[in-house]
C-alpha atoms as a PDB file:
ATOM      1  CA  UNK A   1       1.318  14.691  37.624  1.00  0.00           C
ATOM      2  CA  UNK A   2      -2.089  13.478  36.447  1.00  0.00           C
ATOM      3  CA  UNK A   3      -2.015  16.112  33.713  1.00  0.00           C
ATOM      4  CA  UNK A   4       1.258  14.631  32.512  1.00  0.00           C
ATOM      5  CA  UNK A   5      -0.252  11.158  32.291  1.00  0.00           C
ATOM      6  CA  UNK A   6      -3.326  12.534  30.537  1.00  0.00           C
ATOM      7  CA  UNK A   7      -1.127  14.249  27.973  1.00  0.00           C
ATOM      8  CA  UNK A   8       0.959  11.113  27.546  1.00  0.00           C
ATOM      9  CA  UNK A   9      -2.175   9.026  27.037  1.00  0.00           C
ATOM     10  CA  UNK A  10      -3.470  11.472  24.420  1.00  0.00           C
ATOM     11  CA  UNK A  11      -0.151  11.334  22.577  1.00  0.00           C
ATOM     12  CA  UNK A  12      -0.151   7.548  22.672  1.00  0.00           C
ATOM     13  CA  UNK A  13      -3.669   7.495  21.223  1.00  0.00           C
ATOM     14  CA  UNK A  14      -2.630   9.920  18.460  1.00  0.00           C
ATOM     15  CA  UNK A  15       0.347   7.698  17.666  1.00  0.00           C
ATOM     16  CA  UNK A  16      -1.895   4.630  17.500  1.00  0.00           C
ATOM     17  CA  UNK A  17      -4.287   6.450  15.141  1.00  0.00           C
ATOM     18  CA  UNK A  18      -1.428   7.549  12.887  1.00  0.00           C
ATOM     19  CA  UNK A  19      -0.030   4.019  12.823  1.00  0.00           C
ATOM     20  CA  UNK A  20      -3.446   2.665  11.783  1.00  0.00           C
ATOM     21  CA  UNK A  21      -3.659   5.250   8.991  1.00  0.00           C
ATOM     22  CA  UNK A  22      -0.191   4.303   7.759  1.00  0.00           C
ATOM     23  CA  UNK A  23      -1.167   0.625   7.833  1.00  0.00           C
ATOM     24  CA  UNK A  24      -4.295   1.297   5.755  1.00  0.00           C
ATOM     25  CA  UNK A  25      -2.410   3.445   3.267  1.00  0.00           C
ATOM     26  CA  UNK A  26       0.273   0.781   2.911  1.00  0.00           C
ATOM     27  CA  UNK A  27      -2.386  -1.831   2.147  1.00  0.00           C
ATOM     28  CA  UNK A  28      -3.914   0.424  -0.501  1.00  0.00           C
ATOM     29  CA  UNK A  29      -0.505   1.031  -2.065  1.00  0.00           C
ATOM     30  CA  UNK A  30       0.233  -2.702  -2.084  1.00  0.00           C
ATOM     31  CA  UNK A  31      -3.055  -3.406  -3.872  1.00  0.00           C
ATOM     32  CA  UNK A  32      -2.305  -0.694  -6.427  1.00  0.00           C
ATOM     33  CA  UNK A  33       1.153  -2.087  -7.077  1.00  0.00           C
ATOM     34  CA  UNK A  34      -0.293  -5.585  -7.484  1.00  0.00           C
ATOM     35  CA  UNK A  35      -2.793  -4.269 -10.049  1.00  0.00           C
ATOM     36  CA  UNK A  36      -0.051  -2.474 -11.980  1.00  0.00           C
ATOM     37  CA  UNK A  37       2.082  -5.611 -11.909  1.00  0.00           C
ATOM     38  CA  UNK A  38      -0.822  -7.671 -13.242  1.00  0.00           C
ATOM     39  CA  UNK A  39      -1.402  -5.263 -16.129  1.00  0.00           C
ATOM     40  CA  UNK A  40       2.292  -5.150 -17.034  1.00  0.00           C
ATOM     41  CA  UNK A  41       2.471  -8.965 -16.960  1.00  0.00           C
ATOM     42  CA  UNK A  42      -0.583  -9.164 -19.217  1.00  0.00           C
ATOM     43  CA  UNK A  43       0.878  -6.631 -21.656  1.00  0.00           C
ATOM     44  CA  UNK A  44       4.173  -8.514 -21.699  1.00  0.00           C
ATOM     45  CA  UNK A  45       2.379 -11.766 -22.550  1.00  0.00           C
ATOM     46  CA  UNK A  46       0.457 -10.040 -25.346  1.00  0.00           C
ATOM     47  CA  UNK A  47       3.668  -8.528 -26.709  1.00  0.00           C
ATOM     48  CA  UNK A  48       5.416 -11.899 -26.644  1.00  0.00           C
ATOM     49  CA  UNK A  49       2.466 -13.490 -28.467  1.00  0.00           C
ATOM     50  CA  UNK A  50       2.490 -10.806 -31.149  1.00  0.00           C
ATOM     51  CA  UNK A  51       6.224 -11.265 -31.657  1.00  0.00           C
ATOM     52  CA  UNK A  52       5.834 -15.043 -31.762  1.00  0.00           C
ATOM     53  CA  UNK A  53       2.949 -14.875 -34.253  1.00  0.00           C
ATOM     54  CA  UNK A  54       4.824 -12.475 -36.552  1.00  0.00           C
ATOM     55  CA  UNK A  55       7.830 -14.727 -37.019  1.00  0.00           C
END
């Protein structure tokens, strides 16, 4: 029975580690998406300015 609890505890720890990795990866993806959004917004503003200046 103790072996069963030991195995369960190991699996719980593995699950916790995987969850932490997913959390970190999600944060990195969020930051990347925010950077892409910022660049696209900047390009859109530049495009609008060019169009406005050319008319």
